[in-house]
Protein backbone atom coordinates (compact mmCIF):
# COMPACT_ATOMS: atom_id res chain seq x y z
CA MET A 1 -29.75 196.20 187.36
CA LEU A 2 -33.07 197.32 188.89
CA ALA A 3 -31.79 200.90 189.16
CA GLU A 4 -30.90 200.86 185.44
CA HIS A 5 -34.38 199.61 184.55
CA ILE A 6 -36.01 202.32 186.63
CA GLU A 7 -33.80 204.99 185.04
CA PHE A 8 -34.59 203.65 181.55
CA THR A 9 -38.30 203.79 182.36
CA ARG A 10 -38.04 207.34 183.71
CA LYS A 11 -35.85 208.62 180.89
CA ASN A 12 -38.14 207.24 178.18
CA LYS A 13 -41.30 208.41 179.98
CA PHE A 14 -43.09 205.07 179.95
CA ASN A 15 -46.60 205.21 181.34
CA VAL A 16 -47.10 201.42 181.69
CA VAL A 17 -44.71 198.81 183.12
CA LEU A 18 -45.32 195.06 183.17
CA ASN A 19 -43.12 193.20 185.62
CA SER A 20 -42.72 189.46 186.05
CA THR A 21 -41.68 189.94 189.70
CA LYS A 22 -44.63 191.27 191.65
CA ARG A 23 -42.79 193.19 194.35
CA TYR A 24 -40.77 195.18 191.80
CA ILE A 25 -43.89 197.06 190.70
CA GLU A 26 -43.50 199.16 193.85
CA TYR A 27 -40.14 200.53 192.65
CA PHE A 28 -41.66 201.90 189.44
CA LYS A 29 -44.76 203.49 191.00
CA GLU A 30 -43.48 207.05 191.11
CA HIS A 31 -42.22 206.87 187.52
CA VAL A 32 -45.19 205.34 185.66
CA GLU A 33 -48.94 205.75 185.60
CA TYR A 34 -49.67 202.02 185.60
CA GLY A 35 -47.76 198.99 186.85
CA PHE A 36 -48.94 195.41 186.53
CA TRP A 37 -47.69 192.03 187.64
CA PHE A 38 -47.23 190.00 184.46
CA PRO A 39 -45.73 186.59 185.27
CA ASN A 40 -43.62 184.61 182.86
CA GLY A 41 -45.27 181.85 180.85
CA TYR A 42 -44.47 179.34 178.11
CA PRO A 43 -45.37 178.56 174.48
CA SER A 44 -47.74 175.60 174.73
CA ASP A 45 -47.59 175.02 170.98
CA LEU A 46 -43.85 174.28 171.30
CA ILE A 47 -43.60 172.81 174.80
CA GLN A 48 -45.64 169.71 175.59
CA PRO A 49 -44.80 166.31 177.05
CA SER A 50 -42.72 164.58 174.35
CA LYS A 51 -43.90 161.24 173.04
CA ASN A 52 -40.34 160.49 171.89
CA VAL A 53 -38.89 159.88 175.35
CA GLY A 54 -39.92 158.22 178.58
CA ARG A 55 -39.35 159.55 182.08
CA THR A 56 -36.00 157.80 182.35
CA HIS A 57 -34.24 160.24 184.69
CA GLY A 58 -35.25 160.47 188.33
CA VAL A 59 -34.08 164.07 188.78
CA GLY A 60 -33.08 166.50 186.08
CA PHE A 61 -32.01 170.10 185.80
CA CYS A 62 -32.32 172.05 182.57
CA GLY A 63 -31.13 175.64 182.48
CA SER A 64 -28.19 177.87 183.24
CA SER A 65 -25.83 177.05 186.10
CA ILE A 66 -25.45 180.65 187.26
CA GLN A 67 -24.88 181.93 190.79
CA LYS A 68 -25.84 179.43 193.48
CA ARG A 69 -27.35 176.86 191.13
CA ASN A 70 -24.12 175.07 190.26
CA MET A 71 -23.06 174.86 193.90
CA LEU A 72 -26.51 173.57 194.89
CA LEU A 73 -26.47 170.99 192.10
CA ASP A 74 -23.07 169.75 193.30
CA ILE A 75 -24.35 169.42 196.88
CA VAL A 76 -27.57 167.63 195.91
CA GLU A 77 -25.71 165.30 193.57
CA ARG A 78 -23.80 163.85 196.52
CA LYS A 79 -27.05 162.06 197.47
CA PHE A 80 -29.12 161.98 194.27
CA PRO A 81 -27.98 161.58 190.66
CA ILE A 82 -29.05 164.58 188.58
CA LYS A 83 -29.25 164.70 184.80
CA ARG A 84 -27.70 168.08 184.00
CA ASP A 85 -28.78 169.75 180.79
CA ILE A 86 -26.94 173.07 180.91
CA PHE A 87 -27.93 175.64 178.27
CA VAL A 88 -30.02 173.08 176.40
CA ILE A 89 -32.63 174.93 174.35
CA GLY A 90 -35.35 174.41 171.73
CA ASN A 91 -36.62 170.91 170.99
CA ASP A 92 -33.71 169.43 172.93
CA MET A 93 -34.94 171.27 176.03
CA VAL A 94 -38.43 169.81 175.59
CA GLU A 95 -36.97 166.32 175.20
CA SER A 96 -34.83 166.79 178.31
CA LEU A 97 -37.69 168.08 180.47
CA SER A 98 -39.90 165.27 179.21
CA SER A 99 -37.34 162.70 180.38
CA TYR A 100 -37.38 163.89 184.03
CA LYS A 101 -39.59 162.42 186.71
CA ILE A 102 -38.68 165.43 188.86
CA ALA A 103 -37.58 168.72 187.35
CA PHE A 104 -35.33 170.43 189.87
CA ASN A 105 -35.39 174.24 189.85
CA TYR A 106 -33.80 177.07 191.78
CA ASN A 107 -35.24 180.55 191.29
CA ILE A 108 -32.75 183.38 191.79
CA ALA A 109 -33.92 186.05 194.28
CA ASP A 110 -37.67 186.73 193.76
CA ASP A 111 -37.83 185.68 190.12
CA ILE A 112 -40.34 182.98 189.18
CA ASN A 113 -38.36 181.87 186.16
CA PHE A 114 -39.45 180.55 182.77
CA ARG A 115 -38.37 177.02 183.71
CA THR A 116 -41.20 176.89 186.27
CA PHE A 117 -43.72 176.95 183.41
CA GLU A 118 -41.63 175.04 180.86
CA ALA A 119 -41.07 172.09 183.23
CA THR A 120 -44.74 171.81 184.17
CA GLY A 121 -45.70 172.37 180.52
CA ALA A 122 -43.54 169.38 179.59
CA GLY A 123 -45.31 167.26 182.21
CA ALA A 124 -42.51 166.88 184.76
CA MET A 125 -43.16 167.27 188.47
CA LEU A 126 -41.60 170.60 189.40
CA LEU A 127 -39.58 170.81 192.62
CA THR A 128 -38.54 174.41 193.18
CA ASN A 129 -37.42 176.67 195.99
CA ARG A 130 -39.85 178.86 197.91
CA THR A 131 -40.27 182.09 195.94
CA PRO A 132 -42.63 184.99 196.77
CA ASP A 133 -46.02 184.76 195.03
CA VAL A 134 -45.48 181.32 193.49
CA GLU A 135 -48.49 180.18 195.53
CA LYS A 136 -50.63 182.63 193.53
CA LEU A 137 -49.73 180.77 190.33
CA PHE A 138 -49.77 177.13 191.49
CA GLU A 139 -51.28 175.19 194.36
CA ILE A 140 -48.30 174.08 196.44
CA GLY A 141 -48.23 170.35 197.15
CA LYS A 142 -50.92 169.64 194.54
CA GLU A 143 -49.59 171.20 191.32
CA ILE A 144 -45.92 171.77 192.18
CA VAL A 145 -43.68 170.98 195.15
CA VAL A 146 -41.66 173.61 197.01
CA TYR A 147 -38.61 173.06 199.21
CA GLU A 148 -37.69 175.36 202.09
CA SER A 149 -34.15 174.21 202.90
CA LEU A 150 -31.50 171.71 201.85
CA GLU A 151 -32.82 169.17 204.36
CA ASP A 152 -36.35 169.68 203.03
CA LEU A 153 -35.08 169.30 199.47
CA TYR A 154 -33.42 165.96 200.32
CA ALA A 155 -36.57 164.74 202.08
CA LYS A 156 -38.84 165.69 199.18
CA LEU A 157 -36.57 164.16 196.57
CA GLU A 158 -36.51 160.92 198.57
CA TYR A 159 -40.29 160.94 199.07
CA TYR A 160 -41.35 161.71 195.50
CA LEU A 161 -38.82 159.40 193.89
CA ASN A 162 -40.29 156.59 196.00
CA ASN A 163 -43.97 157.56 195.61
CA GLU A 164 -44.66 157.31 191.91
CA GLU A 165 -48.44 157.73 191.99
CA LYS A 166 -48.28 160.88 194.12
CA ARG A 167 -45.53 162.28 191.90
CA LYS A 168 -47.54 161.57 188.76
CA GLN A 169 -50.65 163.18 190.27
CA ILE A 170 -48.75 166.39 190.98
CA ALA A 171 -47.06 166.37 187.57
CA LYS A 172 -50.43 165.96 185.83
CA ALA A 173 -52.07 168.69 187.93
CA GLY A 174 -49.13 171.04 187.27
CA TYR A 175 -49.39 170.38 183.55
CA ILE A 176 -53.14 171.05 183.54
CA ARG A 177 -52.68 174.29 185.52
CA SER A 178 -49.92 175.57 183.24
CA ALA A 179 -51.81 174.64 180.07
CA ARG A 180 -54.88 176.47 181.40
CA ASP A 181 -53.37 179.55 183.04
CA HIS A 182 -49.73 180.11 182.08
CA THR A 183 -49.40 179.84 178.30
CA TYR A 184 -48.41 182.71 176.03
CA ASP A 185 -51.95 182.61 174.64
CA LYS A 186 -53.26 183.21 178.16
CA ARG A 187 -50.74 185.99 178.76
CA SER A 188 -51.86 187.59 175.47
CA GLU A 189 -55.46 187.58 176.72
CA GLN A 190 -54.30 189.15 179.97
CA LEU A 191 -52.35 191.80 178.08
CA ILE A 192 -55.40 192.70 175.98
CA ALA A 193 -57.44 192.98 179.19
CA ILE A 194 -54.82 195.34 180.66
CA ILE A 195 -54.86 197.50 177.55
CA ASP A 196 -58.68 197.59 177.55
CA ASP A 197 -58.64 198.52 181.23
CA ILE A 198 -56.31 201.51 180.89
CA LEU A 199 -57.69 202.95 177.63
């Protein structure tokens, strides 16, 4: 897929590429004049903690069950019940995320996916796998929690399910960080700054 994107860029003679995965900028360097890291974000006018539901589910997953995700969900569910909301979108997605104490996530490869920002934007504590550059977007252990292995995932689920105040602190800090730095409004400001910089 990356090769096709590079060929599309070259063929259409783009001079600027924005990429949500930082390391991919390197692959486009010889084909474009400018390349910028432009992380995903979320629409804060549509995604906020819902007042219609309480945090009734200890662990939840909302998203697509592609590649390793489904297998990982099956493994984790042997020890911890997981509310699975597969391909739930729109207002139903916001309601689902707002019902989780812990929003479980698994980024594929080096992609910091949309769910990272949607889960924190809905006020859930995000527990996600270690992904390159995520520490540049959130403070690990204070705004989100990252797991390094299956054993680490089990340990962190156990800890944060049993430590409500710590979990709530992280969820609140993650929400504040996303609302400040990772909304579409913020990305629009960053895009205008990029355009101003290259013109």
